[in-house]
N, C-alpha and C. Protein backbone atom coordinates (compact mmCIF):
# COMPACT_ATOMS: atom_id res chain seq x y z
N MET A 1 0.82 -1.19 0.00
CA MET A 1 0.00 0.00 0.00
C MET A 1 0.87 1.26 0.00
N ALA A 2 1.93 1.26 0.81
CA ALA A 2 2.81 2.43 0.87
C ALA A 2 3.53 2.65 -0.47
N ALA A 3 3.88 1.55 -1.14
CA ALA A 3 4.55 1.68 -2.43
C ALA A 3 3.61 2.31 -3.46
N ALA A 4 2.33 1.95 -3.40
CA ALA A 4 1.35 2.52 -4.33
C ALA A 4 1.18 4.01 -4.09
N MET A 5 1.19 4.41 -2.82
CA MET A 5 1.05 5.84 -2.50
C MET A 5 2.26 6.62 -3.00
N SER A 6 3.46 6.06 -2.82
CA SER A 6 4.64 6.78 -3.27
C SER A 6 4.67 6.88 -4.79
N ASP A 7 4.15 5.85 -5.50
CA ASP A 7 4.06 5.93 -6.96
C ASP A 7 3.11 7.04 -7.39
N ASP A 8 1.97 7.20 -6.67
CA ASP A 8 1.02 8.26 -6.98
C ASP A 8 1.64 9.63 -6.76
N ILE A 9 2.40 9.77 -5.68
CA ILE A 9 3.04 11.05 -5.38
C ILE A 9 4.06 11.38 -6.46
N ARG A 10 4.85 10.38 -6.87
CA ARG A 10 5.83 10.62 -7.93
C ARG A 10 5.14 10.97 -9.24
N HIS A 11 4.03 10.31 -9.55
CA HIS A 11 3.30 10.59 -10.78
C HIS A 11 2.72 12.01 -10.75
N ASN A 12 2.15 12.42 -9.62
CA ASN A 12 1.59 13.77 -9.52
C ASN A 12 2.67 14.83 -9.64
N SER A 13 3.83 14.61 -9.05
CA SER A 13 4.90 15.59 -9.16
C SER A 13 5.43 15.65 -10.59
N ALA A 14 5.41 14.52 -11.30
CA ALA A 14 5.85 14.52 -12.70
C ALA A 14 4.87 15.31 -13.56
N VAL A 15 3.57 15.20 -13.28
CA VAL A 15 2.57 15.96 -14.02
C VAL A 15 2.75 17.44 -13.75
N ASP A 16 2.94 17.80 -12.47
CA ASP A 16 3.15 19.21 -12.12
C ASP A 16 4.42 19.74 -12.77
N GLN A 17 5.46 18.92 -12.83
CA GLN A 17 6.72 19.34 -13.42
C GLN A 17 6.57 19.53 -14.92
N ALA A 18 5.71 18.75 -15.56
CA ALA A 18 5.49 18.88 -17.00
C ALA A 18 4.74 20.17 -17.32
N ASP A 19 4.00 20.71 -16.36
CA ASP A 19 3.24 21.94 -16.59
C ASP A 19 4.00 23.19 -16.20
N THR A 20 5.21 23.06 -15.70
CA THR A 20 6.01 24.23 -15.34
C THR A 20 7.22 24.30 -16.26
N PRO A 21 7.56 25.49 -16.71
CA PRO A 21 8.71 25.63 -17.61
C PRO A 21 10.02 25.37 -16.88
N PRO A 22 11.09 25.11 -17.63
CA PRO A 22 12.39 24.84 -17.01
C PRO A 22 12.93 26.07 -16.28
N ASP A 23 13.81 25.82 -15.32
CA ASP A 23 14.42 26.90 -14.54
C ASP A 23 15.26 27.81 -15.41
N ARG A 24 15.93 27.23 -16.39
CA ARG A 24 16.79 28.02 -17.29
C ARG A 24 16.52 27.59 -18.72
N LEU A 25 16.38 28.56 -19.61
CA LEU A 25 16.06 28.26 -21.00
C LEU A 25 16.66 29.31 -21.91
N ALA A 26 17.15 28.88 -23.06
CA ALA A 26 17.72 29.78 -24.07
C ALA A 26 17.07 29.49 -25.41
N ILE A 27 16.94 30.52 -26.26
CA ILE A 27 16.34 30.32 -27.58
C ILE A 27 17.38 30.00 -28.65
N ASN A 28 18.65 30.12 -28.33
CA ASN A 28 19.72 29.82 -29.27
C ASN A 28 19.97 28.31 -29.31
N PRO A 29 19.81 27.66 -30.49
CA PRO A 29 20.01 26.21 -30.56
C PRO A 29 21.43 25.76 -30.21
N ALA A 30 22.40 26.64 -30.28
CA ALA A 30 23.78 26.27 -29.94
C ALA A 30 24.01 26.24 -28.43
N SER A 31 23.08 26.75 -27.65
CA SER A 31 23.22 26.82 -26.19
C SER A 31 22.95 25.45 -25.56
N ALA A 32 23.60 25.19 -24.44
CA ALA A 32 23.34 23.96 -23.68
C ALA A 32 21.98 24.00 -23.01
N HIS A 33 21.38 25.17 -22.88
CA HIS A 33 20.09 25.32 -22.20
C HIS A 33 18.93 25.45 -23.17
N PHE A 34 19.14 25.08 -24.43
CA PHE A 34 18.09 25.11 -25.44
C PHE A 34 17.19 23.90 -25.27
N ASP A 35 15.87 24.10 -25.33
CA ASP A 35 14.89 23.02 -25.26
C ASP A 35 13.79 23.32 -26.27
N GLY A 36 13.86 22.70 -27.43
CA GLY A 36 12.92 22.95 -28.51
C GLY A 36 11.49 22.60 -28.16
N ASP A 37 11.29 21.53 -27.38
CA ASP A 37 9.93 21.12 -27.00
C ASP A 37 9.27 22.17 -26.11
N ALA A 38 10.02 22.71 -25.17
CA ALA A 38 9.47 23.75 -24.28
C ALA A 38 9.19 25.03 -25.07
N LEU A 39 10.06 25.38 -25.98
CA LEU A 39 9.85 26.59 -26.78
C LEU A 39 8.66 26.44 -27.72
N ALA A 40 8.42 25.22 -28.21
CA ALA A 40 7.29 24.98 -29.10
C ALA A 40 5.96 25.21 -28.37
N ARG A 41 5.94 24.97 -27.07
CA ARG A 41 4.72 25.20 -26.28
C ARG A 41 4.47 26.68 -26.04
N GLY A 42 5.51 27.50 -26.13
CA GLY A 42 5.38 28.93 -25.87
C GLY A 42 5.65 29.24 -24.41
N ILE A 43 6.60 30.11 -24.16
CA ILE A 43 6.97 30.49 -22.80
C ILE A 43 6.64 31.97 -22.60
N GLY A 44 5.93 32.27 -21.55
CA GLY A 44 5.68 33.64 -21.17
C GLY A 44 6.66 34.04 -20.08
N ILE A 45 7.23 35.24 -20.19
CA ILE A 45 8.22 35.73 -19.22
C ILE A 45 7.75 37.07 -18.67
N ARG A 46 7.73 37.18 -17.36
CA ARG A 46 7.48 38.46 -16.69
C ARG A 46 8.73 38.80 -15.91
N PHE A 47 9.32 39.95 -16.22
CA PHE A 47 10.55 40.39 -15.56
C PHE A 47 10.25 41.72 -14.88
N LYS A 48 10.45 41.76 -13.57
CA LYS A 48 10.17 42.93 -12.74
C LYS A 48 8.73 43.43 -12.95
N GLY A 49 7.81 42.48 -13.07
CA GLY A 49 6.39 42.81 -13.18
C GLY A 49 5.93 43.19 -14.57
N VAL A 50 6.80 43.17 -15.57
CA VAL A 50 6.45 43.53 -16.94
C VAL A 50 6.65 42.32 -17.85
N VAL A 51 5.64 42.00 -18.66
CA VAL A 51 5.76 40.89 -19.60
C VAL A 51 6.72 41.30 -20.71
N ARG A 52 7.75 40.46 -20.93
CA ARG A 52 8.77 40.75 -21.94
C ARG A 52 8.64 39.75 -23.08
N HIS A 53 8.82 40.24 -24.31
CA HIS A 53 8.74 39.38 -25.49
C HIS A 53 10.08 39.27 -26.21
N ASN A 54 11.12 39.91 -25.69
CA ASN A 54 12.41 39.90 -26.35
C ASN A 54 13.51 39.20 -25.54
N VAL A 55 13.14 38.26 -24.72
CA VAL A 55 14.11 37.57 -23.86
C VAL A 55 14.82 36.47 -24.66
N GLU A 56 16.14 36.51 -24.67
CA GLU A 56 16.96 35.50 -25.36
C GLU A 56 17.23 34.30 -24.45
N GLU A 57 17.38 34.54 -23.16
CA GLU A 57 17.69 33.49 -22.19
C GLU A 57 17.24 33.98 -20.82
N TYR A 58 16.83 33.04 -19.95
CA TYR A 58 16.45 33.42 -18.60
C TYR A 58 16.87 32.34 -17.61
N CYS A 59 16.99 32.72 -16.35
CA CYS A 59 17.23 31.79 -15.26
C CYS A 59 16.41 32.27 -14.07
N ILE A 60 15.45 31.48 -13.66
CA ILE A 60 14.56 31.87 -12.57
C ILE A 60 15.27 31.82 -11.23
N SER A 61 16.02 30.73 -10.96
CA SER A 61 16.65 30.57 -9.65
C SER A 61 17.72 31.63 -9.39
N GLU A 62 18.42 32.08 -10.43
CA GLU A 62 19.45 33.10 -10.25
C GLU A 62 18.89 34.51 -10.43
N GLY A 63 17.68 34.64 -10.96
CA GLY A 63 17.02 35.94 -11.08
C GLY A 63 17.61 36.85 -12.14
N TRP A 64 17.71 36.37 -13.40
CA TRP A 64 18.22 37.23 -14.47
C TRP A 64 17.61 36.84 -15.80
N VAL A 65 17.66 37.77 -16.73
CA VAL A 65 17.28 37.54 -18.13
C VAL A 65 18.35 38.15 -19.02
N ARG A 66 18.48 37.63 -20.22
CA ARG A 66 19.36 38.21 -21.24
C ARG A 66 18.47 38.73 -22.36
N VAL A 67 18.64 40.00 -22.69
CA VAL A 67 17.88 40.64 -23.76
C VAL A 67 18.84 41.26 -24.76
N PRO A 68 18.41 41.43 -26.02
CA PRO A 68 19.29 42.05 -27.02
C PRO A 68 19.63 43.49 -26.64
N ALA A 69 20.86 43.88 -26.95
CA ALA A 69 21.33 45.25 -26.71
C ALA A 69 21.15 46.04 -28.00
N GLY A 70 19.93 46.47 -28.26
CA GLY A 70 19.65 47.21 -29.49
C GLY A 70 19.73 46.31 -30.70
N ARG A 71 20.25 46.86 -31.79
CA ARG A 71 20.35 46.09 -33.03
C ARG A 71 21.78 45.63 -33.30
N THR A 72 22.65 45.75 -32.32
CA THR A 72 24.06 45.41 -32.46
C THR A 72 24.23 43.89 -32.58
N ARG A 73 25.13 43.47 -33.46
CA ARG A 73 25.42 42.06 -33.69
C ARG A 73 26.91 41.79 -33.45
N ASP A 74 27.21 40.56 -33.07
CA ASP A 74 28.61 40.19 -32.93
C ASP A 74 29.16 39.76 -34.29
N ARG A 75 30.39 39.30 -34.34
CA ARG A 75 31.01 38.97 -35.63
C ARG A 75 30.43 37.70 -36.26
N TYR A 76 29.63 36.95 -35.51
CA TYR A 76 28.99 35.75 -36.04
C TYR A 76 27.53 36.01 -36.44
N GLY A 77 27.09 37.26 -36.29
CA GLY A 77 25.73 37.63 -36.66
C GLY A 77 24.70 37.44 -35.56
N GLN A 78 25.14 37.04 -34.38
CA GLN A 78 24.23 36.86 -33.25
C GLN A 78 24.03 38.19 -32.54
N PRO A 79 22.85 38.45 -31.99
CA PRO A 79 22.64 39.72 -31.29
C PRO A 79 23.47 39.78 -30.01
N LEU A 80 24.03 40.96 -29.74
CA LEU A 80 24.71 41.17 -28.46
C LEU A 80 23.62 41.29 -27.39
N THR A 81 23.86 40.68 -26.25
CA THR A 81 22.86 40.69 -25.19
C THR A 81 23.42 41.32 -23.93
N ILE A 82 22.51 41.81 -23.11
CA ILE A 82 22.88 42.29 -21.78
C ILE A 82 22.10 41.49 -20.76
N LYS A 83 22.72 41.32 -19.61
CA LYS A 83 22.12 40.54 -18.53
C LYS A 83 21.49 41.51 -17.54
N LEU A 84 20.17 41.34 -17.32
CA LEU A 84 19.45 42.18 -16.37
C LEU A 84 19.05 41.33 -15.17
N SER A 85 19.27 41.84 -13.97
CA SER A 85 18.95 41.10 -12.75
C SER A 85 17.66 41.60 -12.14
N GLY A 86 16.88 40.67 -11.60
CA GLY A 86 15.63 41.01 -10.95
C GLY A 86 14.73 39.78 -10.89
N PRO A 87 13.53 39.94 -10.33
CA PRO A 87 12.61 38.80 -10.22
C PRO A 87 12.09 38.37 -11.60
N VAL A 88 12.13 37.06 -11.85
CA VAL A 88 11.69 36.48 -13.11
C VAL A 88 10.57 35.49 -12.84
N GLU A 89 9.51 35.55 -13.64
CA GLU A 89 8.41 34.60 -13.58
C GLU A 89 8.24 34.01 -14.97
N ALA A 90 7.94 32.70 -15.05
CA ALA A 90 7.76 32.04 -16.34
C ALA A 90 6.55 31.11 -16.28
N TRP A 91 5.90 30.93 -17.43
CA TRP A 91 4.76 30.03 -17.54
C TRP A 91 4.66 29.55 -18.99
N PHE A 92 3.95 28.43 -19.18
CA PHE A 92 3.68 27.94 -20.52
C PHE A 92 2.44 28.64 -21.03
N GLU A 93 2.53 29.25 -22.20
CA GLU A 93 1.42 30.00 -22.75
C GLU A 93 0.31 29.10 -23.28
N ASP A 94 0.61 27.85 -23.61
CA ASP A 94 -0.43 26.96 -24.15
C ASP A 94 -1.41 26.48 -23.07
N LEU A 95 -1.12 26.75 -21.80
CA LEU A 95 -2.03 26.35 -20.72
C LEU A 95 -3.09 27.39 -20.43
N GLY A 96 -3.00 28.55 -21.05
CA GLY A 96 -4.01 29.59 -20.87
C GLY A 96 -3.77 30.45 -19.64
N GLY A 97 -4.84 31.08 -19.17
CA GLY A 97 -4.74 32.03 -18.07
C GLY A 97 -4.48 31.42 -16.71
N ASP A 98 -4.80 30.14 -16.53
CA ASP A 98 -4.60 29.52 -15.21
C ASP A 98 -3.32 28.67 -15.16
N ALA A 99 -2.34 29.02 -15.98
CA ALA A 99 -1.08 28.28 -16.03
C ALA A 99 -0.30 28.49 -14.73
N PRO A 100 0.34 27.43 -14.21
CA PRO A 100 1.15 27.60 -13.01
C PRO A 100 2.40 28.44 -13.29
N LEU A 101 2.65 29.43 -12.42
CA LEU A 101 3.81 30.29 -12.54
C LEU A 101 5.00 29.67 -11.83
N VAL A 102 6.17 29.86 -12.39
CA VAL A 102 7.41 29.49 -11.71
C VAL A 102 8.12 30.79 -11.43
N LYS A 103 8.35 31.06 -10.15
CA LYS A 103 9.05 32.28 -9.77
C LYS A 103 9.87 32.04 -8.53
N LEU A 104 10.79 32.95 -8.26
CA LEU A 104 11.66 32.83 -7.10
C LEU A 104 11.18 33.76 -6.03
């Protein structure tokens, strides 16, 4: 009986984990933190209380986002980014208005 309960708890936490976005995510496919499946679902980012649509990379646990620094590009054609620190919240946009938020 106890084994069945622990299986249910693990299953419920796996479902909850599937509905929350990763702690760190990047949109650049060359990055180690790129996750195409999560990006395909759509990620909403709120940084310092404002919804941002230009985030290149974020980390919720460390509290930062990387955004493009204007239209400047590096020598490989990638946008130059700046790291902004502050509270970060993330959610999957395909879950609608009642999506679980991940924040620090």
